Amino acid sequence: MARLLAHAQAASEHSPTYDQLVDPAFLKAGVSSRHPTGADVDRAKIPAGLMLVGDHGVYLMSNDYPGFSEAEGQANLVAYAVEADPRTRPDDWYDVKRASFGGDDGVEFLSADTIRKALEATVGSRLWIDVTPARISCPYLSSPQKA
């Protein structure tokens, strides 16, 4: 995951999520479309981060533009959730994806700062992100545990 984050931070342009696509703060100067497209977005205004994706599994990917792959011609490099990886959990990944994102596909933006702090909070252990249709939490975003 640190590798995906480093790649996103090094990029000069970033792909928008749907929420960012319709946010006027990210549109090119002079664009006032009620239904903006990717061509209407100033990709340099989109902040670096990771996209939490729920479609064929649940995974994180860099939001760099045009995308980060290990080899030319391959799809974007992703970090699957252990519980929702269709390659290793062919019988139950969809149930986990549905429990976290609902029946529809979805993408949520997680800022570079949030991911960096979550990685720091879980040094020496596995990073976890709890996703439900209503909320997302991770070590940095969650409330401190009471003893």
Protein backbone atom coordinates (compact mmCIF):
# COMPACT_ATOMS: atom_id res chain seq x y z
CA MET A 1 0.00 0.00 0.00
CA ALA A 2 2.89 2.37 0.71
CA ARG A 3 4.02 1.83 -2.89
CA LEU A 4 0.60 2.86 -4.23
CA LEU A 5 0.60 5.92 -1.99
CA ALA A 6 4.11 6.96 -3.08
CA HIS A 7 3.07 6.68 -6.70
CA ALA A 8 -0.03 8.81 -6.15
CA GLN A 9 1.99 11.47 -4.36
CA ALA A 10 4.59 11.60 -7.13
CA ALA A 11 2.00 12.13 -9.88
CA SER A 12 1.24 15.62 -11.16
CA GLU A 13 -2.32 14.69 -12.16
CA HIS A 14 -4.96 12.51 -10.51
CA SER A 15 -8.15 10.77 -11.56
CA PRO A 16 -11.33 11.99 -9.90
CA THR A 17 -13.90 9.91 -8.08
CA TYR A 18 -17.51 10.58 -9.03
CA ASP A 19 -17.88 12.95 -6.05
CA GLN A 20 -14.80 14.89 -7.19
CA LEU A 21 -16.06 14.91 -10.79
CA VAL A 22 -19.17 16.87 -9.79
CA ASP A 23 -17.38 19.13 -7.28
CA PRO A 24 -17.02 22.63 -8.82
CA ALA A 25 -13.69 23.08 -7.00
CA PHE A 26 -12.08 20.54 -9.36
CA LEU A 27 -13.49 21.77 -12.66
CA LYS A 28 -11.43 23.61 -15.25
CA ALA A 29 -11.74 27.38 -15.29
CA GLY A 30 -14.87 28.47 -17.13
CA VAL A 31 -16.63 25.10 -16.92
CA SER A 32 -20.07 25.33 -15.38
CA SER A 33 -21.63 22.14 -16.64
CA ARG A 34 -24.40 20.56 -14.62
CA HIS A 35 -23.19 17.19 -15.90
CA PRO A 36 -19.38 17.42 -16.09
CA THR A 37 -17.30 14.74 -17.75
CA GLY A 38 -13.69 13.76 -17.21
CA ALA A 39 -12.70 16.30 -19.87
CA ASP A 40 -14.16 19.09 -17.68
CA VAL A 41 -11.94 18.28 -14.68
CA ASP A 42 -8.59 19.91 -14.00
CA ARG A 43 -6.69 16.75 -12.95
CA ALA A 44 -3.96 18.88 -11.38
CA LYS A 45 -6.52 20.12 -8.81
CA ILE A 46 -7.42 16.60 -7.63
CA PRO A 47 -5.39 15.79 -4.48
CA ALA A 48 -3.16 12.73 -4.23
CA GLY A 49 -4.59 9.71 -2.48
CA LEU A 50 -5.94 6.23 -2.90
CA MET A 51 -9.30 5.12 -4.19
CA LEU A 52 -11.15 2.50 -2.18
CA VAL A 53 -13.02 0.53 -4.83
CA GLY A 54 -15.83 -1.98 -4.51
CA ASP A 55 -16.57 -3.82 -7.74
CA HIS A 56 -14.89 -7.14 -8.58
CA GLY A 57 -13.65 -7.40 -5.00
CA VAL A 58 -12.66 -4.59 -2.65
CA TYR A 59 -9.31 -2.95 -3.20
CA LEU A 60 -7.20 0.18 -2.99
CA MET A 61 -5.59 1.76 -6.02
CA SER A 62 -3.59 4.93 -6.66
CA ASN A 63 -5.54 7.85 -8.05
CA ASP A 64 -2.61 8.90 -10.24
CA TYR A 65 -3.40 9.72 -13.83
CA PRO A 66 -3.22 7.89 -16.20
CA GLY A 67 -2.79 4.94 -13.81
CA PHE A 68 -0.14 2.81 -12.15
CA SER A 69 0.67 -0.65 -13.45
CA GLU A 70 3.74 -2.80 -12.97
CA ALA A 71 4.02 -3.50 -16.68
CA GLU A 72 2.75 -1.76 -19.78
CA GLY A 73 -0.56 -3.10 -21.00
CA GLN A 74 -1.61 -4.40 -17.59
CA ALA A 75 -4.48 -3.03 -15.54
CA ASN A 76 -3.85 -0.74 -12.60
CA LEU A 77 -1.90 -2.19 -9.71
CA VAL A 78 -4.26 -2.75 -6.76
CA ALA A 79 -4.07 -3.92 -3.15
CA TYR A 80 -7.02 -6.23 -2.46
CA ALA A 81 -8.70 -6.53 0.91
CA VAL A 82 -7.79 -9.96 2.25
CA GLU A 83 -11.46 -10.81 2.75
CA ALA A 84 -12.62 -9.59 -0.67
CA ASP A 85 -9.95 -10.81 -3.09
CA PRO A 86 -11.60 -12.81 -5.89
CA ARG A 87 -8.30 -14.51 -6.69
CA THR A 88 -7.95 -16.06 -3.23
CA ARG A 89 -11.57 -16.04 -2.00
CA PRO A 90 -13.56 -17.10 -5.10
CA ASP A 91 -16.52 -18.36 -3.07
CA ASP A 92 -17.15 -15.43 -0.71
CA TRP A 93 -15.50 -12.21 -1.99
CA TYR A 94 -18.83 -10.98 -3.40
CA ASP A 95 -20.59 -11.34 -0.03
CA VAL A 96 -17.89 -9.20 1.61
CA LYS A 97 -18.05 -6.63 -1.21
CA ARG A 98 -21.84 -6.47 -0.92
CA ALA A 99 -21.69 -6.09 2.88
CA SER A 100 -19.27 -3.19 2.54
CA PHE A 101 -20.46 -1.38 -0.61
CA GLY A 102 -23.97 -2.69 -1.08
CA GLY A 103 -25.15 -4.18 -4.36
CA ASP A 104 -23.75 -1.38 -6.51
CA ASP A 105 -20.13 -0.71 -7.35
CA GLY A 106 -18.52 2.26 -5.66
CA VAL A 107 -15.38 4.33 -5.22
CA GLU A 108 -14.38 6.42 -2.22
CA PHE A 109 -11.41 8.79 -2.05
CA LEU A 110 -8.96 8.45 0.85
CA SER A 111 -6.49 11.33 1.09
CA ALA A 112 -2.75 10.72 1.03
CA ASP A 113 -2.53 12.20 4.54
CA THR A 114 -5.18 9.82 5.87
CA ILE A 115 -3.47 6.78 4.34
CA ARG A 116 -0.03 7.88 5.58
CA LYS A 117 -1.34 8.34 9.13
CA ALA A 118 -3.17 4.99 9.00
CA LEU A 119 0.05 3.29 7.89
CA GLU A 120 1.93 4.97 10.74
CA ALA A 121 -0.76 3.88 13.22
CA THR A 122 -0.39 0.24 12.15
CA VAL A 123 3.39 -0.07 11.82
CA GLY A 124 4.33 -3.68 12.42
CA SER A 125 0.83 -4.97 11.80
CA ARG A 126 -1.68 -5.13 8.99
CA LEU A 127 -3.55 -1.98 8.03
CA TRP A 128 -7.29 -2.40 8.37
CA ILE A 129 -10.12 -0.41 6.90
CA ASP A 130 -13.66 -1.12 8.07
CA VAL A 131 -16.15 -0.35 5.29
CA THR A 132 -19.93 -0.39 5.54
CA PRO A 133 -22.48 1.28 3.25
CA ALA A 134 -22.78 4.04 5.89
CA ARG A 135 -19.16 4.69 6.97
CA ILE A 136 -15.46 4.06 6.54
CA SER A 137 -13.04 3.80 9.44
CA CYS A 138 -9.38 2.93 9.83
CA PRO A 139 -6.84 3.33 12.65
CA TYR A 140 -6.32 7.04 12.03
CA LEU A 141 -10.02 7.79 11.49
CA SER A 142 -11.39 5.69 14.35
CA SER A 143 -11.97 6.89 17.89
CA PRO A 144 -9.33 5.96 20.47
CA GLN A 145 -10.07 2.68 22.21
CA LYS A 146 -10.84 2.96 25.92
CA ALA A 147 -9.03 0.56 28.21
